[in-house]
Amino acid sequence: MHRHRRLAGLGSPSRKPPTPGRRPSRRSSTLTLVIALTSLLVRDYDEAIAFYVNTLGFELREDSPRADGGRWVVVAPEGAESGLLLARPSKPEQVARIGDQTGGRVGWFLYTDDFAAAYARMRAAGVRFLEEPREEPYGTVAVFEDLYGNRWDLLEPAG
């Protein structure tokens, strides 16, 4: 899996990302920046957790109540340095964006080191693929949708 972190431009696989909410250490002359979380609008926390954990095989990293009555819910592939913050909308404009956060484009890229196994497991779990797997110069890929219609690439990078 370390190979994929380097391919994704995430830097050294041994470097730990900073803890959210804490300032990075200034011990070296270079500043490390890491995208730790990406927000994903969801209709319902529990249905989203069920999809990402039970269907895609992610791990639930955090599910904490918030003072405003909401929840802080983070899911991620096992061992990943970054995760998804599952967020319920707080405004009507946000409700309208559920399932269309990227205007119909692929917005998330799920790397694997065994495309055939990941594809078979995801199909068996009910993931809706929009195309058959294809070979591209950059690797083997197929587009799938999450439970809300957001598009993802399942990708095994070439070489």
Foldseek 3Di string as FASTA:
>chain_A
DQVVCVVVVVPHLVDADDDPPDDDDPPDVDDDDGAAEDEAEDADDVVQCCQVCVQQNWDWPDWAADPVRHTFTWTGRPSDRHTYGYDYDDDPVSVVCHQPVPPLDQDEEAEDQDLVVSVVSNVVSPWAWPDDWDADQQFIWTWTAGPRNHIYIYGYGDD
